Amino acid sequence: MTELFSSGELFGLITASARKNGKEGLRGFLLFSNGRFLQLLEGPSKALSDLYRVIEQDPRHRDCEIVYDTSVETTSFSNWSMRRIPSACPNDAREFICSKANGSVPEDVLEIVDDFLEGALNNVSS
């Protein structure tokens, strides 16, 4: 969880992440909803481990957790060094991800997106 970001701060984060991730061979997307982030990354194991270590040590991050970790034969997001996913509602996010991905998106990933957004929406209404 993090403090709320302005649109400009979020755009800057996405831009910087896309540039750095592209150099490291990392691909994926970022969802931001109600002060929480969900990030999916694909790429070389070492680059993923190195980036996660950096994220964990960054004082702006709290409660970091890996919720899904698997090896894949074919990537779904090779054309996204970092893509912001609109998070209006789970169905919209799911549809956007599936329509823009360059491969099939594992159902497990889509369920994680749904759970993240439903949890973020529930946190607002509580």
C-alpha atoms as a PDB file:
ATOM      1  CA  MET A   1       0.000   0.000   0.000  1.00  0.00           C
ATOM      2  CA  THR A   2       1.142   3.536  -0.640  1.00  0.00           C
ATOM      3  CA  GLU A   3      -0.109   7.076  -0.384  1.00  0.00           C
ATOM      4  CA  LEU A   4      -2.446   8.239  -3.129  1.00  0.00           C
ATOM      5  CA  PHE A   5      -0.634   9.294  -6.258  1.00  0.00           C
ATOM      6  CA  SER A   6      -1.553  12.209  -8.466  1.00  0.00           C
ATOM      7  CA  SER A   7      -2.054  11.449 -12.161  1.00  0.00           C
ATOM      8  CA  GLY A   8       1.279  13.132 -12.910  1.00  0.00           C
ATOM      9  CA  GLU A   9       3.149  11.085 -10.323  1.00  0.00           C
ATOM     10  CA  LEU A  10       1.608   7.872 -11.627  1.00  0.00           C
ATOM     11  CA  PHE A  11       2.477   8.792 -15.224  1.00  0.00           C
ATOM     12  CA  GLY A  12       6.058   9.535 -14.155  1.00  0.00           C
ATOM     13  CA  LEU A  13       6.305   6.194 -12.370  1.00  0.00           C
ATOM     14  CA  ILE A  14       4.994   4.309 -15.406  1.00  0.00           C
ATOM     15  CA  THR A  15       7.361   6.158 -17.759  1.00  0.00           C
ATOM     16  CA  ALA A  16      10.431   5.541 -15.583  1.00  0.00           C
ATOM     17  CA  SER A  17       9.471   1.890 -15.019  1.00  0.00           C
ATOM     18  CA  ALA A  18       8.915   1.296 -18.732  1.00  0.00           C
ATOM     19  CA  ARG A  19      12.339   2.709 -19.568  1.00  0.00           C
ATOM     20  CA  LYS A  20      14.183   0.743 -16.878  1.00  0.00           C
ATOM     21  CA  ASN A  21      12.212  -2.484 -17.317  1.00  0.00           C
ATOM     22  CA  GLY A  22      12.747  -2.442 -21.078  1.00  0.00           C
ATOM     23  CA  LYS A  23      16.513  -2.310 -20.575  1.00  0.00           C
ATOM     24  CA  GLU A  24      16.327  -5.306 -18.219  1.00  0.00           C
ATOM     25  CA  GLY A  25      14.097  -7.376 -20.509  1.00  0.00           C
ATOM     26  CA  LEU A  26      11.125  -7.101 -18.152  1.00  0.00           C
ATOM     27  CA  ARG A  27       7.555  -6.779 -19.401  1.00  0.00           C
ATOM     28  CA  GLY A  28       4.228  -6.357 -17.702  1.00  0.00           C
ATOM     29  CA  PHE A  29       1.592  -4.056 -16.334  1.00  0.00           C
ATOM     30  CA  LEU A  30       0.701  -1.978 -13.323  1.00  0.00           C
ATOM     31  CA  LEU A  31      -2.685  -1.454 -11.699  1.00  0.00           C
ATOM     32  CA  PHE A  32      -3.201   1.309  -9.154  1.00  0.00           C
ATOM     33  CA  SER A  33      -6.414   1.530  -7.178  1.00  0.00           C
ATOM     34  CA  ASN A  34      -7.179   3.266  -3.894  1.00  0.00           C
ATOM     35  CA  GLY A  35      -3.583   3.533  -2.719  1.00  0.00           C
ATOM     36  CA  ARG A  36      -2.618  -0.011  -3.709  1.00  0.00           C
ATOM     37  CA  PHE A  37      -0.546  -1.373  -6.574  1.00  0.00           C
ATOM     38  CA  LEU A  38      -0.681  -4.684  -8.370  1.00  0.00           C
ATOM     39  CA  GLN A  39       2.185  -5.301 -10.750  1.00  0.00           C
ATOM     40  CA  LEU A  40       2.634  -8.214 -13.112  1.00  0.00           C
ATOM     41  CA  LEU A  41       6.103  -8.774 -14.522  1.00  0.00           C
ATOM     42  CA  GLU A  42       7.493 -11.273 -17.002  1.00  0.00           C
ATOM     43  CA  GLY A  43      11.148 -11.696 -17.816  1.00  0.00           C
ATOM     44  CA  PRO A  44      14.437 -13.296 -16.890  1.00  0.00           C
ATOM     45  CA  SER A  45      14.459 -14.760 -13.367  1.00  0.00           C
ATOM     46  CA  LYS A  46      17.533 -12.826 -12.248  1.00  0.00           C
ATOM     47  CA  ALA A  47      16.145  -9.498 -13.460  1.00  0.00           C
ATOM     48  CA  LEU A  48      12.837 -10.217 -11.692  1.00  0.00           C
ATOM     49  CA  SER A  49      14.605 -11.143  -8.433  1.00  0.00           C
ATOM     50  CA  ASP A  50      16.847  -8.078  -8.607  1.00  0.00           C
ATOM     51  CA  LEU A  51      13.900  -5.752  -9.192  1.00  0.00           C
ATOM     52  CA  TYR A  52      11.862  -7.284  -6.378  1.00  0.00           C
ATOM     53  CA  ARG A  53      14.781  -6.795  -3.998  1.00  0.00           C
ATOM     54  CA  VAL A  54      14.912  -3.100  -4.988  1.00  0.00           C
ATOM     55  CA  ILE A  55      11.149  -2.736  -4.513  1.00  0.00           C
ATOM     56  CA  GLU A  56      11.268  -4.363  -1.062  1.00  0.00           C
ATOM     57  CA  GLN A  57      14.056  -2.042   0.090  1.00  0.00           C
ATOM     58  CA  ASP A  58      12.367   1.123  -1.193  1.00  0.00           C
ATOM     59  CA  PRO A  59      10.796   2.942   1.796  1.00  0.00           C
ATOM     60  CA  ARG A  60       7.863   4.071  -0.372  1.00  0.00           C
ATOM     61  CA  HIS A  61       6.662   0.443  -0.505  1.00  0.00           C
ATOM     62  CA  ARG A  62       4.851  -1.403   2.280  1.00  0.00           C
ATOM     63  CA  ASP A  63       3.321  -4.839   2.540  1.00  0.00           C
ATOM     64  CA  CYS A  64       4.958  -6.183  -0.635  1.00  0.00           C
ATOM     65  CA  GLU A  65       3.877  -9.684  -1.492  1.00  0.00           C
ATOM     66  CA  ILE A  66       4.396 -12.051  -4.413  1.00  0.00           C
ATOM     67  CA  VAL A  67       0.961 -13.500  -5.120  1.00  0.00           C
ATOM     68  CA  TYR A  68       1.763 -15.533  -8.242  1.00  0.00           C
ATOM     69  CA  ASP A  69       5.086 -16.921  -9.395  1.00  0.00           C
ATOM     70  CA  THR A  70       5.380 -19.303 -12.319  1.00  0.00           C
ATOM     71  CA  SER A  71       7.488 -19.995 -15.367  1.00  0.00           C
ATOM     72  CA  VAL A  72       5.870 -19.551 -18.759  1.00  0.00           C
ATOM     73  CA  GLU A  73       6.784 -20.812 -22.195  1.00  0.00           C
ATOM     74  CA  THR A  74       5.215 -17.872 -24.007  1.00  0.00           C
ATOM     75  CA  THR A  75       4.861 -14.380 -22.597  1.00  0.00           C
ATOM     76  CA  SER A  76       1.567 -12.533 -22.720  1.00  0.00           C
ATOM     77  CA  PHE A  77       2.969  -9.020 -22.433  1.00  0.00           C
ATOM     78  CA  SER A  78       6.146  -8.911 -24.510  1.00  0.00           C
ATOM     79  CA  ASN A  79       5.060  -5.636 -26.125  1.00  0.00           C
ATOM     80  CA  TRP A  80       4.576  -3.853 -22.767  1.00  0.00           C
ATOM     81  CA  SER A  81       7.725  -2.808 -20.890  1.00  0.00           C
ATOM     82  CA  MET A  82       5.247  -1.318 -18.404  1.00  0.00           C
ATOM     83  CA  ARG A  83       1.619  -0.582 -19.135  1.00  0.00           C
ATOM     84  CA  ARG A  84      -0.882   1.123 -16.867  1.00  0.00           C
ATOM     85  CA  ILE A  85      -4.181  -0.720 -16.774  1.00  0.00           C
ATOM     86  CA  PRO A  86      -7.324   1.384 -16.279  1.00  0.00           C
ATOM     87  CA  SER A  87      -8.945   0.195 -13.070  1.00  0.00           C
ATOM     88  CA  ALA A  88     -12.527   1.447 -13.194  1.00  0.00           C
ATOM     89  CA  CYS A  89     -13.923  -2.019 -12.515  1.00  0.00           C
ATOM     90  CA  PRO A  90     -12.714  -5.625 -12.718  1.00  0.00           C
ATOM     91  CA  ASN A  91     -14.551  -6.418 -15.965  1.00  0.00           C
ATOM     92  CA  ASP A  92     -13.092  -3.357 -17.706  1.00  0.00           C
ATOM     93  CA  ALA A  93      -9.569  -4.178 -16.535  1.00  0.00           C
ATOM     94  CA  ARG A  94      -9.942  -7.821 -17.581  1.00  0.00           C
ATOM     95  CA  GLU A  95     -11.247  -6.843 -21.017  1.00  0.00           C
ATOM     96  CA  PHE A  96      -8.460  -4.277 -21.514  1.00  0.00           C
ATOM     97  CA  ILE A  97      -5.736  -6.765 -20.540  1.00  0.00           C
ATOM     98  CA  CYS A  98      -7.095  -9.491 -22.821  1.00  0.00           C
ATOM     99  CA  SER A  99      -7.608  -7.146 -25.772  1.00  0.00           C
ATOM    100  CA  LYS A 100      -4.153  -5.560 -25.589  1.00  0.00           C
ATOM    101  CA  ALA A 101      -2.001  -8.564 -24.658  1.00  0.00           C
ATOM    102  CA  ASN A 102      -0.049 -10.192 -27.449  1.00  0.00           C
ATOM    103  CA  GLY A 103      -0.827 -13.697 -26.246  1.00  0.00           C
ATOM    104  CA  SER A 104      -3.355 -15.512 -24.161  1.00  0.00           C
ATOM    105  CA  VAL A 105      -3.517 -14.352 -20.570  1.00  0.00           C
ATOM    106  CA  PRO A 106      -3.559 -17.115 -17.933  1.00  0.00           C
ATOM    107  CA  GLU A 107      -6.880 -17.297 -16.114  1.00  0.00           C
ATOM    108  CA  ASP A 108      -4.964 -17.251 -12.799  1.00  0.00           C
ATOM    109  CA  VAL A 109      -3.640 -13.781 -13.675  1.00  0.00           C
ATOM    110  CA  LEU A 110      -7.110 -12.503 -14.553  1.00  0.00           C
ATOM    111  CA  GLU A 111      -8.496 -13.847 -11.274  1.00  0.00           C
ATOM    112  CA  ILE A 112      -5.736 -12.056  -9.347  1.00  0.00           C
ATOM    113  CA  VAL A 113      -6.642  -8.813 -11.139  1.00  0.00           C
ATOM    114  CA  ASP A 114     -10.317  -9.347 -10.293  1.00  0.00           C
ATOM    115  CA  ASP A 115      -9.522 -10.085  -6.631  1.00  0.00           C
ATOM    116  CA  PHE A 116      -7.221  -7.057  -6.375  1.00  0.00           C
ATOM    117  CA  LEU A 117      -9.788  -4.667  -7.807  1.00  0.00           C
ATOM    118  CA  GLU A 118     -12.674  -6.112  -5.832  1.00  0.00           C
ATOM    119  CA  GLY A 119     -10.594  -5.819  -2.656  1.00  0.00           C
ATOM    120  CA  ALA A 120      -9.637  -2.245  -3.506  1.00  0.00           C
ATOM    121  CA  LEU A 121     -13.274  -1.386  -4.131  1.00  0.00           C
ATOM    122  CA  ASN A 122     -14.342  -3.050  -0.872  1.00  0.00           C
ATOM    123  CA  ASN A 123     -11.704  -1.074   1.057  1.00  0.00           C
ATOM    124  CA  VAL A 124     -13.274   2.162  -0.172  1.00  0.00           C
ATOM    125  CA  SER A 125     -16.790   1.189   0.840  1.00  0.00           C
ATOM    126  CA  SER A 126     -15.763  -0.082   4.314  1.00  0.00           C
END
